[in-house]
Amino acid sequence: MATPIRFLLNDQDQTADMAPGTTVLDFVRTHQRLMGTKIGCREGDCGACMVLVGDFAAGQLDYRTMTSCLLPLVNVHGKHVVTIEGLNLPGRFNVAQDAMAEHGATQCGFCSTGFVVSLAGYCLDRRPPSPARAVAAIDGNICRCTGYKSIERAAAQVHDRVAACGSRSCEELVVGGFVPDYFRGIAPRLARLQTELAAADHQPLPGAAAIPVGGGTDLYVQRPEHMVRAALRPVFGTPEWRGVTEADGRFVVGGETTFTEFAESPELCAAFPELPAYVRLFASSPIRNMATVAGNLVNASPIGDLTILLLGLGADVELAGPAGTRTLPLHALYRGYKTLDRSPDEIVTRVSFAAPGPGTGFHFQKVSKRTHLDIASVNSAARLEMHDGSIERAFLSAGGVAPVPLFLARTSAALAGRPLDAATVRDALDMAQTEVAPISDARGTADYKRLLLRQLLAQHFVLLGSGCLRWEDVL
């Protein structure tokens, strides 16, 4: 029998002696009767079920928005879960509720609680506030009747209040009416809880047949009912498989690093300044707060955005299992459609790639029906290592044009030693067409995808060519 899952729910201690795959959404509504958390799409898209999850680590309490319909109970073990009821102040609105009411940012009200939770998450965010971040905080919420301008005005008002709050300490947030008084005691309560859990050596439902679960953002969309009943091996947030380090000229990214942590890594952002902008194309904020690097890789989607980005960086992947640890090039992990060079008992623990040196350029791009929050029709990445005007090494990747996330091996190899000029680029564009085999589907015809790939690859070369190439010369 598994050890019960323990966490804080709003201002109450909780012990959930039930299947660890039960979603937080079903727990708070069915078992706690907290009906402010709504059932919407159950796929992480609408934000009606939004909650805050607070994690106390390294002496700091960090809150992130998450969609509770995809969030298994086991992933909040030792954490603080906040629903809309846990944000209410006695006798008055909190800052986010007041802004929504003042600007008429609600009609039917079904989505409103999710918006308030997301705006409260912005108030608790330890990053410097900005108007753009205030609006980005609600990018995982959908409203079908109010209209977004009034909601954006509410977000702007919340930002103004946050910007005037000073250091945004817990005391200031309580006094300023952002969160209730009980938030003052959450950090020490979580610290005590985590100490107790560490002593108990919590291992929910161990076993070789257990399903490894990271963020769950794909598994709970594909197999929601099965995941509730299944034996799980929780790996989300495993400390030794989380975070970004740099050593010996390589970046090492833990498999359980979330998309948000990946995009916010100071080391990666210093080396790849456009990385946060690229990752914003991948998913909404709450999904990025849950989705993990390893989960995206083993999902093996032919258009997985992070997978394509890492292929374009020339990444290697480390897998660990009972037989030991092994490392292989990331592109070698994919044998066919949804088929991996990985045994069921192996876990993707780390991904690594060379840090950029002088003359290294990197670019990622995707085309989808919507710029943000959409599945790619075609995506692509390119890393060029240049010296004296010639290409020393190239790594080109493409998604949506093959049954697997595709590393353009022949095209990349053919670029080595060639000057970065129009003739080289045209040859590369032609060779890339021989490596792909797109199919027609809801995201475009095969011919359209070939054209998109040609344009995306051309864009890589033009942008990384530091002004030496023109569009009209290469297309």
Foldseek 3Di string as FASTA:
>chain_A
DFQWFWEAELLDTDTHPAQQLDFPQCCCCVVVVPPQQDDDDLQLAAQSRKKWKWDQDPNDIAIFIARRSQHGSNVNRLIYIYFLVSFDEPPDAFLLVVLCVVLVVDDPCSQVRSLSNLQLNLLRHQDDFDLVVLVLSCNRHDDDPRDCVSVSSSSVSSSVLSNVQPNSDVVSCCVRRSGDPSVVPPNVVSVVSVVVCVVVVGFFQDDQPAAEDELRSPVCVVPVVCSSPGRHGYDAPPPQQAAWDDDPQKIKHRQNHFQVRVQPHPVVCVQPVCSVVQSQQQAGRNNSVRHTNQNLLLQQALQSSSLQQLQQQQKKWWKQFPVGIDIDTSQQQDDFQSHGPDDSRIGGTIMMGGRDDPQKDKDKDFDFPDRHHGGGCKIKMKIFRDDPQATQFIWIWMGQFHSGGGTLVVLRVVRHGGGLDQVNLLVSLVSSLVVTHHDADPGGHNVVRNVVVSVVSLVRSCVSVVNRDDPVSND
